N, C-alpha and C. Protein backbone atom coordinates (compact mmCIF):
# COMPACT_ATOMS: atom_id res chain seq x y z
N MET A 1 157.55 124.46 168.39
CA MET A 1 156.17 124.72 168.14
C MET A 1 156.03 125.72 166.98
N ALA A 2 156.89 126.63 166.86
CA ALA A 2 156.88 127.58 165.77
C ALA A 2 157.05 126.83 164.45
N GLU A 3 157.89 125.82 164.50
CA GLU A 3 158.12 125.02 163.30
C GLU A 3 156.84 124.28 162.93
N GLU A 4 156.15 123.73 163.88
CA GLU A 4 154.90 123.01 163.62
C GLU A 4 153.83 123.96 163.11
N LEU A 5 153.86 125.16 163.68
CA LEU A 5 152.90 126.16 163.26
C LEU A 5 153.19 126.56 161.80
N THR A 6 154.44 126.70 161.42
CA THR A 6 154.85 127.05 160.07
C THR A 6 154.42 125.94 159.10
N VAL A 7 154.67 124.67 159.48
CA VAL A 7 154.28 123.53 158.66
C VAL A 7 152.76 123.50 158.50
N ALA A 8 152.04 123.79 159.59
CA ALA A 8 150.58 123.79 159.54
C ALA A 8 150.08 124.89 158.60
N ILE A 9 150.73 126.08 158.69
CA ILE A 9 150.34 127.20 157.85
C ILE A 9 150.63 126.86 156.38
N GLN A 10 151.80 126.28 156.13
CA GLN A 10 152.15 125.89 154.77
C GLN A 10 151.17 124.82 154.24
N GLY A 11 150.80 123.89 155.09
CA GLY A 11 149.84 122.86 154.71
C GLY A 11 148.47 123.46 154.42
N PHE A 12 148.09 124.41 155.26
CA PHE A 12 146.81 125.08 155.06
C PHE A 12 146.84 125.87 153.75
N LYS A 13 147.99 126.58 153.50
CA LYS A 13 148.13 127.35 152.27
C LYS A 13 148.08 126.42 151.06
N LEU A 14 148.75 125.27 151.14
CA LEU A 14 148.74 124.30 150.05
C LEU A 14 147.32 123.77 149.83
N LEU A 15 146.63 123.48 150.92
CA LEU A 15 145.25 123.01 150.84
C LEU A 15 144.37 124.09 150.21
N TRP A 16 144.57 125.35 150.64
CA TRP A 16 143.80 126.46 150.08
C TRP A 16 144.05 126.60 148.58
N ASP A 17 145.29 126.49 148.14
CA ASP A 17 145.63 126.56 146.73
C ASP A 17 144.97 125.42 145.94
N LYS A 18 144.97 124.24 146.53
CA LYS A 18 144.32 123.08 145.89
C LYS A 18 142.82 123.34 145.75
N ILE A 19 142.21 123.86 146.80
CA ILE A 19 140.77 124.14 146.76
C ILE A 19 140.48 125.17 145.65
N LYS A 20 141.31 126.23 145.57
CA LYS A 20 141.13 127.24 144.52
C LYS A 20 141.28 126.61 143.14
N THR A 21 142.27 125.71 142.97
CA THR A 21 142.50 125.05 141.69
C THR A 21 141.30 124.17 141.33
N ILE A 22 140.83 123.42 142.33
CA ILE A 22 139.66 122.57 142.11
C ILE A 22 138.45 123.43 141.73
N LYS A 23 138.28 124.55 142.42
CA LYS A 23 137.16 125.44 142.11
C LYS A 23 137.31 126.00 140.70
N GLU A 24 138.53 126.38 140.31
CA GLU A 24 138.76 126.89 138.96
C GLU A 24 138.49 125.80 137.92
N VAL A 25 138.94 124.59 138.21
CA VAL A 25 138.67 123.48 137.29
C VAL A 25 137.17 123.23 137.20
N SER A 26 136.49 123.28 138.33
CA SER A 26 135.05 123.08 138.37
C SER A 26 134.36 124.17 137.55
N ASN A 27 134.82 125.43 137.73
CA ASN A 27 134.25 126.53 136.96
C ASN A 27 134.53 126.33 135.47
N SER A 28 135.72 125.84 135.14
CA SER A 28 136.07 125.59 133.74
C SER A 28 135.17 124.52 133.15
N ILE A 29 134.92 123.47 133.93
CA ILE A 29 134.04 122.40 133.46
C ILE A 29 132.63 122.94 133.23
N GLU A 30 132.17 123.78 134.15
CA GLU A 30 130.85 124.39 134.00
C GLU A 30 130.81 125.27 132.75
N ILE A 31 131.90 126.02 132.53
CA ILE A 31 131.95 126.89 131.36
C ILE A 31 131.95 126.05 130.08
N VAL A 32 132.78 124.99 130.06
CA VAL A 32 132.83 124.12 128.89
C VAL A 32 131.46 123.48 128.65
N THR A 33 130.82 123.03 129.72
CA THR A 33 129.49 122.42 129.60
C THR A 33 128.49 123.44 129.06
N ALA A 34 128.53 124.67 129.58
CA ALA A 34 127.61 125.70 129.11
C ALA A 34 127.88 126.03 127.64
N VAL A 35 129.14 126.15 127.26
CA VAL A 35 129.49 126.44 125.86
C VAL A 35 129.02 125.31 124.95
N THR A 36 129.21 124.07 125.39
CA THR A 36 128.77 122.92 124.60
C THR A 36 127.25 122.94 124.42
N GLU A 37 126.52 123.25 125.48
CA GLU A 37 125.06 123.33 125.39
C GLU A 37 124.64 124.44 124.41
N ILE A 38 125.31 125.57 124.47
CA ILE A 38 124.99 126.68 123.57
C ILE A 38 125.29 126.28 122.13
N GLN A 39 126.43 125.62 121.91
CA GLN A 39 126.77 125.17 120.56
C GLN A 39 125.73 124.18 120.03
N GLN A 40 125.27 123.28 120.89
CA GLN A 40 124.25 122.31 120.48
C GLN A 40 122.95 123.02 120.13
N LYS A 41 122.57 124.02 120.93
CA LYS A 41 121.34 124.77 120.64
C LYS A 41 121.47 125.54 119.33
N LEU A 42 122.65 126.10 119.08
CA LEU A 42 122.88 126.79 117.81
C LEU A 42 122.78 125.83 116.64
N LEU A 43 123.38 124.66 116.80
CA LEU A 43 123.32 123.65 115.75
C LEU A 43 121.88 123.22 115.49
N ASP A 44 121.13 122.99 116.57
CA ASP A 44 119.71 122.62 116.43
C ASP A 44 118.93 123.71 115.71
N SER A 45 119.19 124.97 116.09
CA SER A 45 118.44 126.06 115.46
C SER A 45 118.84 126.21 113.99
N GLN A 46 120.11 125.96 113.65
CA GLN A 46 120.53 126.01 112.25
C GLN A 46 119.85 124.91 111.44
N GLU A 47 119.72 123.72 112.04
CA GLU A 47 119.04 122.61 111.36
C GLU A 47 117.57 122.95 111.15
N LYS A 48 116.94 123.54 112.17
CA LYS A 48 115.54 123.94 112.05
C LYS A 48 115.38 125.02 110.99
N GLN A 49 116.32 125.96 110.97
CA GLN A 49 116.27 127.03 109.98
C GLN A 49 116.42 126.46 108.57
N ALA A 50 117.33 125.50 108.40
CA ALA A 50 117.52 124.87 107.09
C ALA A 50 116.26 124.12 106.67
N ALA A 51 115.64 123.41 107.63
CA ALA A 51 114.40 122.68 107.33
C ALA A 51 113.29 123.65 106.95
N LEU A 52 113.18 124.76 107.66
CA LEU A 52 112.17 125.77 107.34
C LEU A 52 112.43 126.40 105.97
N ALA A 53 113.70 126.64 105.66
CA ALA A 53 114.04 127.21 104.35
C ALA A 53 113.65 126.23 103.23
N ASP A 54 113.89 124.93 103.45
CA ASP A 54 113.46 123.92 102.47
C ASP A 54 111.96 123.92 102.31
N LYS A 55 111.26 124.01 103.43
CA LYS A 55 109.80 124.01 103.40
C LYS A 55 109.29 125.24 102.63
N VAL A 56 109.90 126.39 102.87
CA VAL A 56 109.50 127.61 102.18
C VAL A 56 109.76 127.46 100.67
N ARG A 57 110.92 126.91 100.29
CA ARG A 57 111.21 126.70 98.87
C ARG A 57 110.18 125.77 98.23
N ASN A 58 109.84 124.68 98.95
CA ASN A 58 108.84 123.74 98.42
C ASN A 58 107.48 124.41 98.27
N LEU A 59 107.08 125.19 99.25
CA LEU A 59 105.78 125.88 99.18
C LEU A 59 105.78 126.92 98.07
N GLU A 60 106.90 127.62 97.89
CA GLU A 60 106.98 128.58 96.79
C GLU A 60 106.88 127.88 95.44
N ALA A 61 107.52 126.71 95.32
CA ALA A 61 107.45 125.95 94.07
C ALA A 61 106.02 125.50 93.81
N LYS A 62 105.33 125.02 94.86
CA LYS A 62 103.94 124.60 94.71
C LYS A 62 103.05 125.78 94.33
N LEU A 63 103.31 126.92 94.93
CA LEU A 63 102.53 128.12 94.61
C LEU A 63 102.74 128.51 93.14
N ARG A 64 103.98 128.44 92.66
CA ARG A 64 104.24 128.73 91.25
C ARG A 64 103.50 127.75 90.35
N GLU A 65 103.48 126.46 90.74
CA GLU A 65 102.75 125.46 89.96
C GLU A 65 101.26 125.77 89.91
N VAL A 66 100.70 126.14 91.06
CA VAL A 66 99.26 126.46 91.12
C VAL A 66 98.97 127.68 90.27
N GLU A 67 99.80 128.71 90.38
CA GLU A 67 99.58 129.92 89.59
C GLU A 67 99.73 129.62 88.10
N ASP A 68 100.72 128.79 87.74
CA ASP A 68 100.91 128.41 86.34
C ASP A 68 99.70 127.62 85.84
N TRP A 69 99.21 126.70 86.67
CA TRP A 69 98.05 125.89 86.29
C TRP A 69 96.83 126.79 86.07
N LYS A 70 96.61 127.73 87.02
CA LYS A 70 95.47 128.65 86.88
C LYS A 70 95.60 129.45 85.58
N SER A 71 96.80 129.90 85.29
CA SER A 71 97.03 130.68 84.07
C SER A 71 96.73 129.83 82.83
N GLN A 72 97.17 128.59 82.83
CA GLN A 72 96.90 127.70 81.70
C GLN A 72 95.40 127.45 81.55
N MET A 73 94.73 127.20 82.67
CA MET A 73 93.31 126.84 82.61
C MET A 73 92.41 128.03 82.27
N GLN A 74 92.92 129.25 82.38
CA GLN A 74 92.13 130.41 81.97
C GLN A 74 91.94 130.43 80.46
N ARG A 75 92.74 129.66 79.76
CA ARG A 75 92.62 129.57 78.30
C ARG A 75 91.48 128.64 77.88
N TYR A 76 90.90 127.92 78.83
CA TYR A 76 89.88 126.92 78.52
C TYR A 76 88.56 127.28 79.18
N GLU A 77 87.50 126.74 78.60
CA GLU A 77 86.16 126.91 79.18
C GLU A 77 85.48 125.55 79.21
N LEU A 78 84.61 125.36 80.17
CA LEU A 78 83.86 124.11 80.23
C LEU A 78 82.85 124.13 79.07
N PHE A 79 82.88 123.07 78.30
CA PHE A 79 82.05 122.99 77.09
C PHE A 79 81.11 121.80 77.19
N GLU A 80 79.84 122.02 76.83
CA GLU A 80 78.85 120.95 76.81
C GLU A 80 78.54 120.61 75.37
N PHE A 81 78.77 119.36 74.99
CA PHE A 81 78.44 118.93 73.63
C PHE A 81 76.92 118.95 73.51
N PRO A 82 76.38 119.68 72.55
CA PRO A 82 74.94 119.91 72.49
C PRO A 82 74.10 118.64 72.35
N GLU A 83 74.58 117.68 71.59
CA GLU A 83 73.76 116.49 71.32
C GLU A 83 73.79 115.47 72.46
N THR A 84 74.90 115.42 73.22
CA THR A 84 75.02 114.39 74.25
C THR A 84 75.06 114.95 75.67
N LYS A 85 75.23 116.25 75.78
CA LYS A 85 75.33 116.93 77.08
C LYS A 85 76.61 116.52 77.84
N ALA A 86 77.55 115.85 77.19
CA ALA A 86 78.83 115.48 77.80
C ALA A 86 79.68 116.75 77.94
N LEU A 87 80.57 116.74 78.93
CA LEU A 87 81.38 117.92 79.22
C LEU A 87 82.87 117.67 78.99
N ALA A 88 83.55 118.71 78.53
CA ALA A 88 85.00 118.69 78.38
C ALA A 88 85.47 120.15 78.45
N HIS A 89 86.74 120.35 78.69
CA HIS A 89 87.30 121.69 78.68
C HIS A 89 87.78 122.00 77.26
N LYS A 90 87.26 123.10 76.70
CA LYS A 90 87.57 123.46 75.32
C LYS A 90 88.47 124.70 75.31
N LEU A 91 89.47 124.69 74.43
CA LEU A 91 90.33 125.85 74.27
C LEU A 91 89.48 127.00 73.72
N LYS A 92 89.55 128.16 74.38
CA LYS A 92 88.80 129.32 73.90
C LYS A 92 89.44 129.80 72.60
N PRO A 93 88.63 130.04 71.57
CA PRO A 93 89.19 130.46 70.28
C PRO A 93 90.08 131.70 70.39
N GLU A 94 89.68 132.65 71.23
CA GLU A 94 90.46 133.88 71.35
C GLU A 94 91.79 133.67 72.09
N MET A 95 91.97 132.50 72.72
CA MET A 95 93.20 132.19 73.46
C MET A 95 94.05 131.15 72.73
N ALA A 96 93.68 130.81 71.50
CA ALA A 96 94.35 129.71 70.79
C ALA A 96 95.80 130.03 70.44
N ASN A 97 96.13 131.26 70.13
CA ASN A 97 97.50 131.64 69.78
C ASN A 97 98.10 130.71 68.73
N GLY A 98 97.33 130.39 67.72
CA GLY A 98 97.82 129.52 66.64
C GLY A 98 97.63 128.03 66.89
N GLU A 99 97.22 127.63 68.08
CA GLU A 99 96.97 126.21 68.36
C GLU A 99 95.61 125.83 67.78
N PRO A 100 95.46 124.58 67.35
CA PRO A 100 94.12 124.15 66.91
C PRO A 100 93.20 124.03 68.13
N ILE A 101 91.92 124.26 67.90
CA ILE A 101 90.94 124.11 68.98
C ILE A 101 90.94 122.63 69.38
N HIS A 102 91.01 122.41 70.68
CA HIS A 102 91.04 121.03 71.19
C HIS A 102 90.35 120.99 72.54
N TYR A 103 90.17 119.78 73.05
CA TYR A 103 89.46 119.55 74.30
C TYR A 103 90.39 118.85 75.29
N LEU A 104 90.19 119.19 76.58
CA LEU A 104 90.93 118.51 77.66
C LEU A 104 89.97 117.64 78.45
N CYS A 105 90.50 116.55 78.95
CA CYS A 105 89.73 115.61 79.78
C CYS A 105 89.40 116.25 81.12
N ARG A 106 88.13 116.23 81.50
CA ARG A 106 87.70 116.80 82.80
C ARG A 106 88.30 116.03 83.96
N THR A 107 88.35 114.71 83.86
CA THR A 107 88.89 113.89 84.94
C THR A 107 90.35 114.26 85.20
N CYS A 108 91.11 114.39 84.12
CA CYS A 108 92.53 114.74 84.27
C CYS A 108 92.71 116.17 84.76
N VAL A 109 91.89 117.10 84.28
CA VAL A 109 91.99 118.48 84.72
C VAL A 109 91.76 118.57 86.24
N GLU A 110 90.84 117.77 86.76
CA GLU A 110 90.59 117.76 88.20
C GLU A 110 91.81 117.27 88.97
N LYS A 111 92.68 116.53 88.30
CA LYS A 111 93.93 116.04 88.92
C LYS A 111 95.12 116.90 88.51
N ASN A 112 94.82 118.09 87.99
CA ASN A 112 95.85 119.04 87.54
C ASN A 112 96.74 118.46 86.44
N LYS A 113 96.13 117.69 85.56
CA LYS A 113 96.84 117.17 84.39
C LYS A 113 96.16 117.74 83.16
N LYS A 114 96.95 118.11 82.20
CA LYS A 114 96.43 118.69 80.97
C LYS A 114 96.56 117.64 79.87
N THR A 115 95.50 116.85 79.67
CA THR A 115 95.52 115.76 78.70
C THR A 115 94.56 116.10 77.56
N THR A 116 95.09 116.15 76.36
CA THR A 116 94.28 116.45 75.19
C THR A 116 93.51 115.20 74.77
N LEU A 117 92.21 115.36 74.61
CA LEU A 117 91.35 114.25 74.18
C LEU A 117 91.57 113.97 72.69
N GLN A 118 91.55 112.70 72.34
CA GLN A 118 91.78 112.28 70.96
C GLN A 118 90.48 111.73 70.36
N PRO A 119 90.14 112.16 69.13
CA PRO A 119 88.89 111.69 68.51
C PRO A 119 88.97 110.21 68.12
N GLN A 120 87.91 109.49 68.42
CA GLN A 120 87.75 108.09 68.00
C GLN A 120 86.26 107.88 67.72
N HIS A 121 85.92 107.88 66.46
CA HIS A 121 84.53 107.72 66.01
C HIS A 121 83.65 108.81 66.63
N ARG A 122 82.67 108.40 67.43
CA ARG A 122 81.74 109.36 68.03
C ARG A 122 82.25 109.85 69.39
N PHE A 123 83.44 109.45 69.78
CA PHE A 123 83.94 109.74 71.11
C PHE A 123 85.22 110.57 71.05
N LEU A 124 85.50 111.20 72.19
CA LEU A 124 86.82 111.76 72.44
C LEU A 124 87.42 110.87 73.52
N HIS A 125 88.60 110.36 73.27
CA HIS A 125 89.24 109.40 74.16
C HIS A 125 90.41 110.06 74.89
N CYS A 126 90.52 109.78 76.19
CA CYS A 126 91.64 110.31 76.97
C CYS A 126 92.73 109.24 77.04
N PRO A 127 93.92 109.52 76.50
CA PRO A 127 95.00 108.53 76.54
C PRO A 127 95.56 108.33 77.95
N GLU A 128 95.31 109.27 78.84
CA GLU A 128 95.86 109.20 80.20
C GLU A 128 94.98 108.33 81.11
N CYS A 129 93.72 108.72 81.28
CA CYS A 129 92.85 108.02 82.24
C CYS A 129 91.86 107.08 81.55
N LYS A 130 91.89 107.04 80.24
CA LYS A 130 91.05 106.15 79.43
C LYS A 130 89.57 106.53 79.43
N SER A 131 89.24 107.74 79.87
CA SER A 131 87.85 108.21 79.81
C SER A 131 87.44 108.36 78.35
N GLU A 132 86.14 108.20 78.11
CA GLU A 132 85.60 108.43 76.78
C GLU A 132 84.42 109.37 76.91
N ILE A 133 84.41 110.38 76.06
CA ILE A 133 83.34 111.37 76.08
C ILE A 133 82.61 111.26 74.76
N GLU A 134 81.33 110.99 74.87
CA GLU A 134 80.50 110.83 73.67
C GLU A 134 80.15 112.22 73.14
N THR A 135 80.54 112.48 71.90
CA THR A 135 80.29 113.79 71.31
C THR A 135 79.07 113.79 70.41
N LYS A 136 78.70 112.63 69.90
CA LYS A 136 77.52 112.49 69.03
C LYS A 136 76.74 111.29 69.54
N PRO A 137 75.41 111.39 69.51
CA PRO A 137 74.61 110.26 70.00
C PRO A 137 74.73 109.06 69.06
N GLN A 138 74.48 107.93 69.63
CA GLN A 138 74.49 106.69 68.84
C GLN A 138 73.34 106.74 67.84
N PRO A 139 73.61 106.38 66.60
CA PRO A 139 72.52 106.39 65.62
C PRO A 139 71.46 105.36 66.03
N PRO A 140 70.23 105.61 65.62
CA PRO A 140 69.17 104.66 65.99
C PRO A 140 69.47 103.27 65.42
N TYR A 141 69.06 102.28 66.16
CA TYR A 141 69.26 100.89 65.75
C TYR A 141 68.37 100.59 64.56
N ARG A 142 68.95 100.01 63.53
CA ARG A 142 68.17 99.64 62.33
C ARG A 142 68.22 98.14 62.18
N ARG A 143 67.06 97.61 61.98
CA ARG A 143 66.93 96.17 61.80
C ARG A 143 66.64 95.90 60.33
N HIS A 144 67.25 94.91 59.80
CA HIS A 144 66.99 94.57 58.40
C HIS A 144 65.75 93.69 58.32
N SER A 145 64.87 94.04 57.41
CA SER A 145 63.64 93.25 57.24
C SER A 145 63.92 92.12 56.23
N PRO A 146 63.13 91.07 56.27
CA PRO A 146 63.34 89.97 55.33
C PRO A 146 63.20 90.41 53.89
N SER A 147 62.53 91.49 53.63
CA SER A 147 62.36 91.94 52.25
C SER A 147 63.58 92.70 51.73
N GLY A 148 64.59 92.86 52.58
CA GLY A 148 65.81 93.52 52.15
C GLY A 148 65.90 94.96 52.57
N GLY A 149 64.83 95.61 52.95
CA GLY A 149 64.88 97.00 53.41
C GLY A 149 65.25 97.06 54.88
N SER A 150 65.50 98.24 55.36
CA SER A 150 65.79 98.35 56.77
C SER A 150 64.64 99.06 57.47
N GLN A 151 64.51 98.79 58.74
CA GLN A 151 63.46 99.40 59.52
C GLN A 151 64.09 100.07 60.74
N SER A 152 63.44 101.09 61.17
CA SER A 152 63.87 101.72 62.42
C SER A 152 63.47 100.80 63.56
N TRP A 153 64.10 100.89 64.64
CA TRP A 153 63.77 100.06 65.80
C TRP A 153 62.39 100.37 66.33
N MET A 154 61.86 101.52 65.92
CA MET A 154 60.54 101.90 66.40
C MET A 154 59.44 101.38 65.49
N SER A 155 59.77 100.91 64.27
CA SER A 155 58.72 100.46 63.38
C SER A 155 58.36 99.02 63.63
């Protein structure tokens, strides 16, 4: 009976050691799982941080563009052509810095584009948006009379 008791004790001790090993393995698995979760959260936060840094860089670039645009546009004033009442942005003479006085297209300026209008007869033409600004009124219509002279459209 002592021998059976010894075998039982040894079996119990072996079983106890196995239980401890299983518990240690279980704890190790839990630790590995927890570490993996923490690593994933760190990776996610690094990705979010990188995305936020990109967003900040993009916003800073846009802010620089807006500030640069405002600085450029301070050199111009809205100008009304006296005869036609048409509007364009005119370079202020005191801001010319050696540039010739010129006009910018209002349509393009509203889209943050700086397009110089080009003269064509009585108009200023925008090569970008194809707008035309009449700078001088159309001359009165003249009709030729049978006698060879011309008449105003009102005569």
